[in-house]
Amino acid sequence: MGRRILFALLLLCLPTPALALQGTVYRDSDQNAVRDPGEPGLAGVVVSNGRDVVTTDAEGGFRLTGGSETFVRVTCPDDHRCPHWHRRGGGDFGLLPQATPDDFFFVHVSDIHAYDQEGDFLAWSSPPIPAWMPDRLAYWLLLFRLGRVYPHLSRAQIADEFRAELSRYRSVDELSDAALIGAYGDEFQRPGSGLGRVEERIRAALGEVAALEPALVISTGDLILEGNQAPPPVVERWLRFYREATEATGVPWVNTIGNNEIAGLQNADVRHDDPRFGKYFFEETYGPTWFSFDRGRFHFVALDTHAPDPEESNPKSWLFTLMPEDEAAWLEADLALHGDRVVVALNHEPFAADPDWPFADDIEPAEGGEILTRHGVSYTLTGHVHWNGLVREGPTTHISTGALSGLRWIVPRSVHPRGYRLVYAHSGRLYSAWKEIGRPVLGFVVPEGSPTIAPASGAPGMGTREVVAVAADVRGPFAEVELTLAGEPLPLERWGRFFFRAELPEALEPEAELVLRTVGIDGSVTRTRLTAGEAVP
């Protein structure tokens, strides 16, 4: 008996071998999510457990080593659709054949900060004003803060914009400047007030995006208001609203995690060992927080730079620029398998700070940029700072997109614009333009890193140049689009519904003027101009 007990104890001391995660990736020809006889396995599909990366064998089989709770994810190939691309543990993945073009149009949004009740902002996102603080001091401090965030506006202009916005919903004649912000907040959370109808504004913005008919929408984090501070039932309500509202658009969405989806960090009532703490709600709603997929000639890697601070003993001390070790190993392996594609990295926090941003010196770049540079990643698409930005570092162009919410839907959009980015993927390059909600966009774009239309010196005979224009009405294409050079129309090659390309003559005078003219559905005419020797931003 003693020997048996000793043997059992020795067995308990031995390390437990990791469970094998295995399965098959197959072509689900009849789309019933079950592998039927005659449905072939798919070879060469990339599968991962979030650290190790493998490709399926000739029969579509794969085998990974990991724990039973590990997410297995499939890198969706560009010639298939993947309705179920991840699950916990092994299993079979049925993919649906679907041809996708090399060139396609998509929309990049960020920082939607979705919430659906008027009182949510003041309850969970607005810092409390101490009872002892006089209204005038609180008002001055707010304007001082906003004046630093929006240096292009004077404090008097900012106050005027708040007053003008509030005047649409109530009389402001009797309000002093000191009482203005308090009245604005009261009106915002007054039941039935148009100022506080955030849900309607969010749905309208999403409807505008859907009306542009993109192939997909990429949403890079801060999907909800303040998951760090709100209690779990509120976080769950916000994510449920966000998912319902985005799915109602009928457009495919790709969602990456932001710092506001890390639940409970700043809520004292949520313990760190609460199963709802951290990334629980995002993972339950959308699955793994880092993954990849192919589209046309492009390979997209969705990243997550949010992790506990290893130098802090407090488990609620997290960094929002830290890439976990497993993710870094996965990223290296994933990129090594996709060196033949144009890679676009998606993350909430930017990998480089645009010097034109307010507080640019205070922004710490996210980790992982060195890996991206080493693998020659062409683009990153990020958000977080609520400003548009463009930084070129080595082979990588870093593009940040301003917030769809502006400043969480409460600050007038005349102070902080709300919008999203139109992106056209063409011949391995991304052409993009920022569009404000409810307004048309009209302008010239170039693939990031391209030369100007003509040399700065204006010397003729330097070879044919191309110019690409973007023209989108509020919810769709313009009725007419025309590009002229020195008054003469240029033939336009149309890319999708909103991007247009024209070739320019070799001998181009630097003073020659390009005019992009559009006619809206309502008959309104808009023009924008570009001198040939001028660089396109």
Protein backbone atom coordinates (compact mmCIF):
# COMPACT_ATOMS: atom_id res chain seq x y z
CA MET A 1 0.00 0.00 0.00
CA GLY A 2 2.84 2.35 0.92
CA ARG A 3 4.51 1.86 -2.44
CA ARG A 4 1.26 2.57 -4.27
CA ILE A 5 0.81 5.81 -2.34
CA LEU A 6 4.43 6.78 -3.07
CA PHE A 7 3.95 5.97 -6.77
CA ALA A 8 0.78 8.07 -6.88
CA LEU A 9 2.56 10.99 -5.24
CA LEU A 10 5.38 10.73 -7.77
CA LEU A 11 2.84 10.85 -10.60
CA LEU A 12 1.35 14.02 -9.15
CA CYS A 13 4.79 15.62 -9.15
CA LEU A 14 5.38 14.96 -12.83
CA PRO A 15 4.64 17.86 -15.23
CA THR A 16 1.31 17.58 -17.03
CA PRO A 17 1.80 17.40 -20.78
CA ALA A 18 0.09 20.15 -22.78
CA LEU A 19 -3.09 19.14 -24.50
CA ALA A 20 -2.94 18.81 -28.26
CA LEU A 21 -5.26 21.11 -30.17
CA GLN A 22 -6.07 19.55 -33.48
CA GLY A 23 -8.65 19.64 -36.20
CA THR A 24 -9.26 20.14 -39.88
CA VAL A 25 -9.86 23.15 -42.10
CA TYR A 26 -12.19 22.19 -44.94
CA ARG A 27 -14.28 23.69 -47.72
CA ASP A 28 -17.88 23.87 -46.50
CA SER A 29 -19.46 23.62 -49.94
CA ASP A 30 -23.08 23.45 -48.75
CA GLN A 31 -22.54 26.05 -45.99
CA ASN A 32 -24.09 23.94 -43.23
CA ALA A 33 -21.12 24.25 -40.81
CA VAL A 34 -20.72 20.45 -40.81
CA ARG A 35 -18.09 18.52 -42.73
CA ASP A 36 -19.99 16.26 -45.07
CA PRO A 37 -18.60 13.48 -47.27
CA GLY A 38 -16.87 14.89 -50.31
CA GLU A 39 -15.96 18.24 -48.72
CA PRO A 40 -12.18 18.46 -49.12
CA GLY A 41 -9.65 19.62 -46.56
CA LEU A 42 -7.79 22.82 -47.41
CA ALA A 43 -4.01 22.67 -47.45
CA GLY A 44 -1.70 25.54 -46.52
CA VAL A 45 -4.17 27.47 -44.33
CA VAL A 46 -2.48 29.25 -41.41
CA VAL A 47 -3.74 28.22 -37.95
CA SER A 48 -2.54 29.44 -34.55
CA ASN A 49 -3.13 29.15 -30.82
CA GLY A 50 -1.98 32.72 -30.27
CA ARG A 51 1.71 31.83 -29.97
CA ASP A 52 2.54 28.89 -32.22
CA VAL A 53 1.70 29.16 -35.91
CA VAL A 54 1.30 26.20 -38.29
CA THR A 55 -0.13 25.53 -41.74
CA THR A 56 -2.57 22.76 -42.54
CA ASP A 57 -1.30 19.63 -44.24
CA ALA A 58 -2.42 18.19 -47.57
CA GLU A 59 -5.66 16.93 -45.97
CA GLY A 60 -6.40 20.20 -44.17
CA GLY A 61 -5.30 18.84 -40.79
CA PHE A 62 -3.46 20.79 -38.09
CA ARG A 63 -2.03 20.07 -34.66
CA LEU A 64 -1.04 22.62 -32.00
CA THR A 65 0.09 22.31 -28.42
CA GLY A 66 -1.72 24.42 -25.85
CA GLY A 67 -4.14 24.50 -22.94
CA SER A 68 -7.79 23.56 -23.24
CA GLU A 69 -8.86 27.21 -22.96
CA THR A 70 -6.58 28.41 -25.76
CA PHE A 71 -8.22 30.20 -28.67
CA VAL A 72 -7.49 28.48 -31.94
CA ARG A 73 -7.79 30.91 -34.83
CA VAL A 74 -7.64 30.54 -38.58
CA THR A 75 -6.04 33.17 -40.80
CA CYS A 76 -8.86 33.57 -43.27
CA PRO A 77 -7.48 33.21 -46.84
CA ASP A 78 -8.40 35.82 -49.43
CA ASP A 79 -10.33 33.33 -51.56
CA HIS A 80 -12.62 32.14 -48.75
CA ARG A 81 -15.03 33.55 -46.21
CA CYS A 82 -14.68 32.36 -42.62
CA PRO A 83 -17.95 32.61 -40.66
CA HIS A 84 -16.37 30.72 -37.76
CA TRP A 85 -12.65 31.52 -37.66
CA HIS A 86 -11.93 30.93 -33.96
CA ARG A 87 -12.95 28.70 -31.08
CA ARG A 88 -11.58 27.54 -27.76
CA GLY A 89 -9.87 24.19 -28.15
CA GLY A 90 -9.40 22.22 -31.35
CA GLY A 91 -11.99 21.29 -33.89
CA ASP A 92 -12.93 21.66 -37.52
CA PHE A 93 -13.26 24.96 -39.37
CA GLY A 94 -15.50 25.16 -42.41
CA LEU A 95 -14.59 27.88 -44.92
CA LEU A 96 -16.83 29.12 -47.71
CA PRO A 97 -15.39 29.72 -51.20
CA GLN A 98 -15.55 33.39 -52.11
CA ALA A 99 -13.59 35.26 -54.75
CA THR A 100 -12.25 38.62 -53.58
CA PRO A 101 -10.70 41.25 -55.87
CA ASP A 102 -7.16 42.51 -55.40
CA ASP A 103 -8.46 46.09 -55.29
CA PHE A 104 -11.19 46.99 -52.80
CA PHE A 105 -12.66 49.83 -50.77
CA PHE A 106 -12.96 49.78 -47.00
CA VAL A 107 -13.56 52.17 -44.12
CA HIS A 108 -11.36 52.63 -41.07
CA VAL A 109 -13.09 53.90 -37.93
CA SER A 110 -11.76 54.25 -34.41
CA ASP A 111 -12.86 55.38 -30.96
CA ILE A 112 -16.61 54.98 -31.42
CA HIS A 113 -17.10 55.06 -27.63
CA ALA A 114 -20.60 53.62 -27.90
CA TYR A 115 -23.17 54.13 -25.15
CA ASP A 116 -26.92 54.24 -25.31
CA GLN A 117 -28.23 56.19 -22.31
CA GLU A 118 -28.04 59.95 -21.74
CA GLY A 119 -26.64 59.69 -18.23
CA ASP A 120 -23.78 57.31 -19.11
CA PHE A 121 -21.25 60.01 -20.00
CA LEU A 122 -21.62 62.04 -16.82
CA ALA A 123 -21.78 58.88 -14.71
CA TRP A 124 -18.75 57.07 -16.11
CA SER A 125 -16.67 59.39 -18.29
CA SER A 126 -16.85 62.89 -16.82
CA PRO A 127 -14.57 63.67 -13.86
CA PRO A 128 -16.67 64.83 -10.89
CA ILE A 129 -16.60 68.53 -10.01
CA PRO A 130 -15.96 69.01 -6.27
CA ALA A 131 -18.91 70.55 -4.44
CA TRP A 132 -16.67 73.27 -3.03
CA MET A 133 -15.48 74.49 -6.43
CA PRO A 134 -17.22 77.68 -7.64
CA ASP A 135 -18.88 77.49 -11.04
CA ARG A 136 -16.59 80.18 -12.46
CA LEU A 137 -13.45 78.29 -11.43
CA ALA A 138 -14.77 75.01 -12.86
CA TYR A 139 -15.67 76.82 -16.07
CA TRP A 140 -12.22 78.44 -16.34
CA LEU A 141 -10.43 75.14 -15.70
CA LEU A 142 -12.47 73.39 -18.39
CA LEU A 143 -11.79 76.11 -20.94
CA PHE A 144 -8.10 76.07 -20.01
CA ARG A 145 -7.98 72.31 -20.63
CA LEU A 146 -9.92 72.50 -23.89
CA GLY A 147 -7.76 75.41 -25.01
CA ARG A 148 -4.66 73.21 -24.69
CA VAL A 149 -6.31 70.30 -26.53
CA TYR A 150 -7.59 72.55 -29.34
CA PRO A 151 -4.84 75.14 -29.86
CA HIS A 152 -6.40 76.25 -33.15
CA LEU A 153 -9.34 77.73 -31.20
CA SER A 154 -9.27 80.49 -28.63
CA ARG A 155 -11.05 79.91 -25.33
CA ALA A 156 -13.63 82.48 -26.35
CA GLN A 157 -14.27 80.56 -29.58
CA ILE A 158 -14.66 77.30 -27.67
CA ALA A 159 -17.19 78.92 -25.32
CA ASP A 160 -19.07 80.35 -28.30
CA GLU A 161 -19.29 76.88 -29.90
CA PHE A 162 -20.73 75.36 -26.71
CA ARG A 163 -23.21 78.22 -26.47
CA ALA A 164 -24.25 77.84 -30.12
CA GLU A 165 -24.76 74.07 -29.72
CA LEU A 166 -26.78 74.48 -26.53
CA SER A 167 -28.93 77.20 -28.10
CA ARG A 168 -30.40 74.61 -30.48
CA TYR A 169 -32.15 72.97 -27.52
CA ARG A 170 -32.86 75.74 -24.99
CA SER A 171 -32.58 79.47 -24.42
CA VAL A 172 -29.09 80.60 -23.45
CA ASP A 173 -29.70 84.34 -23.21
CA GLU A 174 -29.85 84.27 -19.43
CA LEU A 175 -26.76 82.11 -18.97
CA SER A 176 -23.49 83.59 -17.81
CA ASP A 177 -20.28 82.12 -19.17
CA ALA A 178 -19.67 80.48 -15.81
CA ALA A 179 -23.04 78.72 -15.86
CA LEU A 180 -22.80 77.65 -19.50
CA ILE A 181 -20.97 74.32 -19.10
CA GLY A 182 -23.14 73.19 -16.19
CA ALA A 183 -26.26 73.97 -18.22
CA TYR A 184 -24.79 72.08 -21.17
CA GLY A 185 -24.25 69.00 -19.01
CA ASP A 186 -27.73 69.25 -17.51
CA GLU A 187 -29.30 69.48 -20.97
CA PHE A 188 -27.19 66.59 -22.25
CA GLN A 189 -28.55 64.21 -19.62
CA ARG A 190 -32.11 65.55 -19.58
CA PRO A 191 -34.39 62.72 -20.70
CA GLY A 192 -35.83 63.43 -24.14
CA SER A 193 -33.38 66.18 -25.01
CA GLY A 194 -32.01 66.10 -28.53
CA LEU A 195 -28.56 67.05 -27.23
CA GLY A 196 -28.23 63.77 -25.33
CA ARG A 197 -29.56 61.40 -27.99
CA VAL A 198 -26.23 59.70 -28.46
CA GLU A 199 -27.75 56.41 -29.57
CA GLU A 200 -29.44 58.16 -32.50
CA ARG A 201 -26.22 59.90 -33.51
CA ILE A 202 -24.23 56.67 -33.35
CA ARG A 203 -26.78 54.78 -35.45
CA ALA A 204 -26.88 57.64 -37.96
CA ALA A 205 -23.07 57.66 -38.25
CA LEU A 206 -22.98 53.88 -38.73
CA GLY A 207 -25.75 54.17 -41.31
CA GLU A 208 -23.72 56.75 -43.21
CA VAL A 209 -20.72 54.40 -43.26
CA ALA A 210 -22.86 51.49 -44.45
CA ALA A 211 -24.39 53.61 -47.23
CA LEU A 212 -20.92 53.95 -48.76
CA GLU A 213 -20.99 50.16 -49.34
CA PRO A 214 -17.47 49.27 -48.17
CA ALA A 215 -16.18 45.72 -48.53
CA LEU A 216 -15.51 45.82 -44.79
CA VAL A 217 -15.19 48.23 -41.88
CA ILE A 218 -12.13 48.06 -39.62
CA SER A 219 -12.75 49.42 -36.11
CA THR A 220 -9.53 49.84 -34.12
CA GLY A 221 -10.61 49.88 -30.51
CA ASP A 222 -12.37 51.94 -27.87
CA LEU A 223 -15.60 50.45 -29.12
CA ILE A 224 -17.39 51.50 -25.93
CA LEU A 225 -17.40 54.48 -23.59
CA GLU A 226 -15.38 53.73 -20.42
CA GLY A 227 -15.18 50.02 -19.66
CA ASN A 228 -12.34 50.73 -17.23
CA GLN A 229 -14.65 52.60 -14.87
CA ALA A 230 -18.17 51.28 -15.39
CA PRO A 231 -19.52 48.23 -13.50
CA PRO A 232 -19.72 44.92 -15.41
CA PRO A 233 -23.47 45.11 -16.23
CA VAL A 234 -22.95 48.51 -17.87
CA VAL A 235 -19.91 47.30 -19.85
CA GLU A 236 -21.95 44.33 -21.03
CA ARG A 237 -24.83 46.64 -22.05
CA TRP A 238 -22.52 48.91 -24.04
CA LEU A 239 -20.88 46.04 -25.91
CA ARG A 240 -24.26 44.48 -26.61
CA PHE A 241 -25.47 47.80 -28.04
CA TYR A 242 -22.28 48.22 -30.08
CA ARG A 243 -22.52 44.74 -31.57
CA GLU A 244 -26.21 45.05 -32.39
CA ALA A 245 -25.75 48.49 -33.97
CA THR A 246 -22.77 47.47 -36.12
CA GLU A 247 -24.34 44.17 -37.22
CA ALA A 248 -27.49 46.07 -38.20
CA THR A 249 -25.48 47.89 -40.89
CA GLY A 250 -25.23 44.67 -42.91
CA VAL A 251 -21.52 45.34 -43.55
CA PRO A 252 -18.72 43.03 -42.30
CA TRP A 253 -16.86 44.54 -39.30
CA VAL A 254 -13.40 43.69 -38.01
CA ASN A 255 -12.96 44.81 -34.39
CA THR A 256 -9.73 45.18 -32.44
CA ILE A 257 -9.50 45.81 -28.70
CA GLY A 258 -8.85 49.22 -27.16
CA ASN A 259 -7.96 50.31 -23.64
CA ASN A 260 -11.61 51.11 -22.90
CA GLU A 261 -12.52 47.45 -23.36
CA ILE A 262 -10.29 46.43 -20.40
CA ALA A 263 -13.06 46.12 -17.81
CA GLY A 264 -12.65 46.99 -14.14
CA LEU A 265 -9.23 48.64 -14.11
CA GLN A 266 -10.49 51.80 -12.45
CA ASN A 267 -13.53 50.38 -10.66
CA ALA A 268 -12.81 49.59 -7.01
CA ASP A 269 -15.83 47.27 -6.83
CA VAL A 270 -14.39 44.93 -9.48
CA ARG A 271 -11.67 42.68 -8.08
CA HIS A 272 -8.81 41.54 -10.29
CA ASP A 273 -9.85 37.90 -9.76
CA ASP A 274 -13.41 38.60 -10.88
CA PRO A 275 -13.85 36.49 -14.08
CA ARG A 276 -15.33 39.60 -15.76
CA PHE A 277 -12.16 41.63 -15.15
CA GLY A 278 -9.85 42.57 -18.02
CA LYS A 279 -10.55 41.32 -21.54
CA TYR A 280 -13.45 39.02 -20.62
CA PHE A 281 -16.24 40.98 -22.30
CA PHE A 282 -14.32 41.55 -25.54
CA GLU A 283 -13.29 37.90 -25.79
CA GLU A 284 -16.80 36.66 -25.06
CA THR A 285 -18.17 38.98 -27.75
CA TYR A 286 -15.49 38.85 -30.46
CA GLY A 287 -12.98 36.15 -29.56
CA PRO A 288 -9.17 36.45 -29.53
CA THR A 289 -7.62 39.90 -29.27
CA TRP A 290 -4.86 39.26 -31.82
CA PHE A 291 -5.37 37.50 -35.13
CA SER A 292 -4.79 37.90 -38.86
CA PHE A 293 -6.63 37.61 -42.18
CA ASP A 294 -5.95 38.06 -45.90
CA ARG A 295 -7.78 40.28 -48.34
CA GLY A 296 -6.67 40.63 -51.96
CA ARG A 297 -2.93 41.25 -51.99
CA PHE A 298 -2.99 42.40 -48.38
CA HIS A 299 -2.34 40.60 -45.09
CA PHE A 300 -3.88 42.24 -42.02
CA VAL A 301 -2.58 41.59 -38.50
CA ALA A 302 -4.84 42.75 -35.65
CA LEU A 303 -2.84 43.47 -32.50
CA ASP A 304 -3.42 44.01 -28.78
CA THR A 305 -0.93 46.09 -26.77
CA HIS A 306 -2.69 45.93 -23.38
CA ALA A 307 -1.18 43.88 -20.57
CA PRO A 308 -0.44 44.02 -16.81
CA ASP A 309 2.64 46.03 -15.91
CA PRO A 310 5.31 43.44 -15.00
CA GLU A 311 7.04 45.94 -12.71
CA GLU A 312 3.98 46.58 -10.55
CA SER A 313 2.62 44.32 -7.82
CA ASN A 314 -0.88 45.73 -8.20
CA PRO A 315 -2.69 43.41 -10.66
CA LYS A 316 -4.81 46.36 -11.77
CA SER A 317 -1.77 48.27 -13.02
CA TRP A 318 -1.83 47.77 -16.77
CA LEU A 319 0.13 49.27 -19.62
CA PHE A 320 -1.62 50.23 -22.85
CA THR A 321 1.49 50.02 -25.00
CA LEU A 322 2.80 46.60 -23.92
CA MET A 323 2.73 43.62 -26.30
CA PRO A 324 2.52 40.30 -24.39
CA GLU A 325 5.33 37.82 -24.99
CA ASP A 326 3.05 35.22 -26.59
CA GLU A 327 1.67 37.81 -29.00
CA ALA A 328 5.14 38.99 -30.01
CA ALA A 329 6.14 35.38 -30.75
CA TRP A 330 2.95 34.89 -32.77
CA LEU A 331 3.53 38.12 -34.70
CA GLU A 332 7.06 37.09 -35.66
CA ALA A 333 5.86 33.70 -36.86
CA ASP A 334 2.80 35.04 -38.66
CA LEU A 335 4.73 37.74 -40.54
CA ALA A 336 7.42 35.23 -41.55
CA LEU A 337 4.73 33.23 -43.38
CA HIS A 338 3.32 36.24 -45.24
CA GLY A 339 6.39 37.98 -46.63
CA ASP A 340 4.90 37.85 -50.13
CA ARG A 341 1.97 40.10 -49.18
CA VAL A 342 1.53 43.76 -48.37
CA VAL A 343 1.09 43.80 -44.60
CA VAL A 344 -1.22 46.18 -42.72
CA ALA A 345 -1.04 46.15 -38.91
CA LEU A 346 -4.12 47.17 -36.92
CA ASN A 347 -3.83 48.41 -33.35
CA HIS A 348 -5.60 50.83 -31.06
CA GLU A 349 -2.57 52.74 -29.78
CA PRO A 350 -0.26 54.25 -32.44
CA PHE A 351 3.26 52.97 -33.05
CA ALA A 352 4.52 56.48 -33.80
CA ALA A 353 3.41 59.94 -32.66
CA ASP A 354 2.61 62.61 -35.22
CA PRO A 355 4.43 65.79 -34.13
CA ASP A 356 1.36 67.85 -35.04
CA TRP A 357 -0.77 66.21 -32.35
CA PRO A 358 -1.46 68.13 -29.15
CA PHE A 359 0.68 66.56 -26.38
CA ALA A 360 2.61 64.56 -29.01
CA ASP A 361 5.64 64.52 -26.71
CA ASP A 362 3.57 62.77 -24.02
CA ILE A 363 2.45 59.90 -26.26
CA GLU A 364 4.35 56.66 -25.74
CA PRO A 365 4.42 54.53 -28.90
CA ALA A 366 3.05 51.01 -28.65
CA GLU A 367 5.48 48.11 -28.51
CA GLY A 368 5.98 45.96 -31.58
CA GLY A 369 7.13 48.66 -33.97
CA GLU A 370 10.58 47.09 -34.21
CA ILE A 371 9.03 43.78 -35.30
CA LEU A 372 6.92 45.56 -37.91
CA THR A 373 9.92 47.43 -39.30
CA ARG A 374 12.09 44.32 -39.44
CA HIS A 375 9.45 42.45 -41.44
CA GLY A 376 8.89 45.38 -43.81
CA VAL A 377 5.28 46.03 -42.77
CA SER A 378 3.90 48.65 -45.15
CA TYR A 379 1.14 50.29 -43.10
CA THR A 380 -0.33 50.59 -39.64
CA LEU A 381 -3.88 51.78 -38.99
CA THR A 382 -4.48 53.05 -35.45
CA GLY A 383 -6.60 55.41 -33.36
CA HIS A 384 -6.62 56.24 -29.64
CA VAL A 385 -5.52 59.89 -29.80
CA HIS A 386 -8.72 61.09 -31.54
CA TRP A 387 -6.64 62.94 -34.16
CA ASN A 388 -5.63 62.17 -37.72
CA GLY A 389 -1.94 61.54 -38.18
CA LEU A 390 0.66 60.37 -40.69
CA VAL A 391 4.21 59.31 -39.84
CA ARG A 392 6.68 57.50 -42.11
CA GLU A 393 9.38 55.41 -40.43
CA GLY A 394 11.55 53.19 -42.61
CA PRO A 395 9.33 50.93 -44.73
CA THR A 396 6.22 51.68 -42.66
CA THR A 397 3.61 54.39 -43.04
CA HIS A 398 1.71 54.93 -39.79
CA ILE A 399 -1.83 56.25 -40.34
CA SER A 400 -3.99 57.29 -37.39
CA THR A 401 -7.67 58.04 -37.79
CA GLY A 402 -9.60 60.57 -35.74
CA ALA A 403 -12.46 59.46 -33.53
CA LEU A 404 -15.89 58.68 -34.91
CA SER A 405 -17.18 60.04 -31.59
CA GLY A 406 -15.15 63.26 -31.78
CA LEU A 407 -14.79 63.62 -28.03
CA ARG A 408 -17.22 60.92 -26.86
CA TRP A 409 -20.22 62.50 -28.64
CA ILE A 410 -20.58 65.34 -26.10
CA VAL A 411 -18.22 68.08 -27.27
CA PRO A 412 -19.70 70.00 -30.26
CA ARG A 413 -18.32 68.63 -33.52
CA SER A 414 -17.36 72.19 -34.46
CA VAL A 415 -14.79 71.92 -31.64
CA HIS A 416 -13.72 68.31 -32.18
CA PRO A 417 -14.76 66.84 -35.57
CA ARG A 418 -16.33 63.40 -35.83
CA GLY A 419 -15.50 61.18 -38.76
CA TYR A 420 -13.82 58.19 -40.36
CA ARG A 421 -11.35 57.28 -43.10
CA LEU A 422 -12.12 56.14 -46.64
CA VAL A 423 -9.44 53.73 -47.88
CA TYR A 424 -8.92 52.25 -51.32
CA ALA A 425 -6.52 49.33 -51.68
CA HIS A 426 -5.04 49.39 -55.18
CA SER A 427 -1.99 47.61 -56.62
CA GLY A 428 -0.56 46.95 -53.17
CA ARG A 429 -0.96 50.53 -51.92
CA LEU A 430 -3.48 52.27 -49.69
CA TYR A 431 -5.02 55.58 -50.75
CA SER A 432 -7.02 57.26 -48.01
CA ALA A 433 -8.92 60.38 -47.00
CA TRP A 434 -10.61 61.55 -43.81
CA LYS A 435 -14.35 62.25 -44.04
CA GLU A 436 -16.39 64.10 -41.44
CA ILE A 437 -19.79 62.71 -40.52
CA GLY A 438 -22.58 64.42 -42.45
CA ARG A 439 -20.26 66.25 -44.82
CA PRO A 440 -18.84 65.47 -48.27
CA VAL A 441 -15.14 64.97 -48.89
CA LEU A 442 -13.30 66.26 -51.93
CA GLY A 443 -9.55 66.31 -52.48
CA PHE A 444 -6.35 64.83 -53.87
CA VAL A 445 -4.51 61.86 -52.37
CA VAL A 446 -1.36 59.91 -53.19
CA PRO A 447 -0.08 56.59 -51.92
CA GLU A 448 1.90 57.44 -48.81
CA GLY A 449 5.56 57.84 -49.69
CA SER A 450 4.99 58.72 -53.36
CA PRO A 451 6.57 61.78 -54.97
CA THR A 452 4.72 65.04 -55.52
CA ILE A 453 2.79 65.45 -58.74
CA ALA A 454 5.64 67.48 -60.21
CA PRO A 455 9.12 68.38 -58.96
CA ALA A 456 9.17 71.29 -56.53
CA SER A 457 11.32 73.17 -59.04
CA GLY A 458 8.60 72.79 -61.64
CA ALA A 459 11.06 71.51 -64.25
CA PRO A 460 9.11 70.04 -67.20
CA GLY A 461 9.76 66.74 -68.88
CA MET A 462 10.25 64.70 -65.70
CA GLY A 463 7.99 61.88 -66.83
CA THR A 464 4.30 61.13 -66.53
CA ARG A 465 2.77 61.71 -63.13
CA GLU A 466 -0.50 60.38 -61.78
CA VAL A 467 -2.98 62.16 -59.61
CA VAL A 468 -5.62 60.39 -57.55
CA ALA A 469 -8.69 62.22 -56.31
CA VAL A 470 -11.29 61.25 -53.75
CA ALA A 471 -14.84 62.51 -54.03
CA ALA A 472 -17.69 61.30 -51.82
CA ASP A 473 -21.00 62.98 -51.08
CA VAL A 474 -22.53 62.66 -47.62
CA ARG A 475 -23.88 59.12 -48.08
CA GLY A 476 -22.63 58.02 -51.48
CA PRO A 477 -21.04 59.10 -54.76
CA PHE A 478 -21.50 62.49 -56.36
CA ALA A 479 -23.76 62.75 -59.39
CA GLU A 480 -20.85 64.12 -61.44
CA VAL A 481 -17.07 64.24 -60.99
CA GLU A 482 -14.78 66.17 -63.34
CA LEU A 483 -11.05 66.89 -63.26
CA THR A 484 -9.56 69.61 -65.44
CA LEU A 485 -5.98 70.72 -66.06
CA ALA A 486 -5.58 74.33 -67.16
CA GLY A 487 -9.28 74.29 -68.04
CA GLU A 488 -9.15 71.11 -70.15
CA PRO A 489 -10.90 67.92 -68.92
CA LEU A 490 -8.70 64.92 -68.11
CA PRO A 491 -9.83 61.32 -68.69
CA LEU A 492 -10.61 59.71 -65.34
CA GLU A 493 -10.03 56.08 -64.41
CA ARG A 494 -12.59 55.26 -61.75
CA TRP A 495 -11.54 53.14 -58.77
CA GLY A 496 -14.68 51.92 -57.06
CA ARG A 497 -17.24 54.61 -56.25
CA PHE A 498 -15.10 57.34 -54.69
CA PHE A 499 -11.54 57.31 -56.01
CA PHE A 500 -10.42 58.56 -59.43
CA ARG A 501 -7.07 58.42 -61.21
CA ALA A 502 -5.76 60.59 -64.04
CA GLU A 503 -2.42 60.72 -65.88
CA LEU A 504 -0.77 64.08 -66.34
CA PRO A 505 1.31 65.14 -69.34
CA GLU A 506 5.09 64.89 -69.12
CA ALA A 507 5.72 68.57 -69.79
CA LEU A 508 3.82 70.08 -66.88
CA GLU A 509 4.19 73.71 -65.91
CA PRO A 510 4.46 74.16 -62.14
CA GLU A 511 1.75 76.84 -62.19
CA ALA A 512 -0.71 74.59 -64.02
CA GLU A 513 -3.89 74.27 -61.98
CA LEU A 514 -5.86 71.09 -61.43
CA VAL A 515 -9.51 71.62 -60.57
CA LEU A 516 -11.67 68.85 -59.15
CA ARG A 517 -15.34 69.69 -59.65
CA THR A 518 -18.32 67.73 -58.33
CA VAL A 519 -22.07 67.99 -58.56
CA GLY A 520 -24.07 66.61 -55.65
CA ILE A 521 -27.36 64.76 -55.80
CA ASP A 522 -29.01 68.01 -54.70
CA GLY A 523 -27.35 69.91 -57.58
CA SER A 524 -24.79 71.71 -55.43
CA VAL A 525 -21.41 72.31 -57.07
CA THR A 526 -18.11 72.00 -55.17
CA ARG A 527 -14.56 72.63 -56.37
CA THR A 528 -11.09 72.10 -55.00
CA ARG A 529 -7.80 73.12 -56.61
CA LEU A 530 -4.21 71.91 -56.67
CA THR A 531 -1.22 73.55 -58.34
CA ALA A 532 0.92 71.06 -60.25
CA GLY A 533 4.11 71.89 -58.36
CA GLU A 534 2.39 71.51 -55.01
CA ALA A 535 2.94 68.47 -52.80
CA VAL A 536 -0.13 66.44 -51.93
CA PRO A 537 -0.41 66.03 -48.13
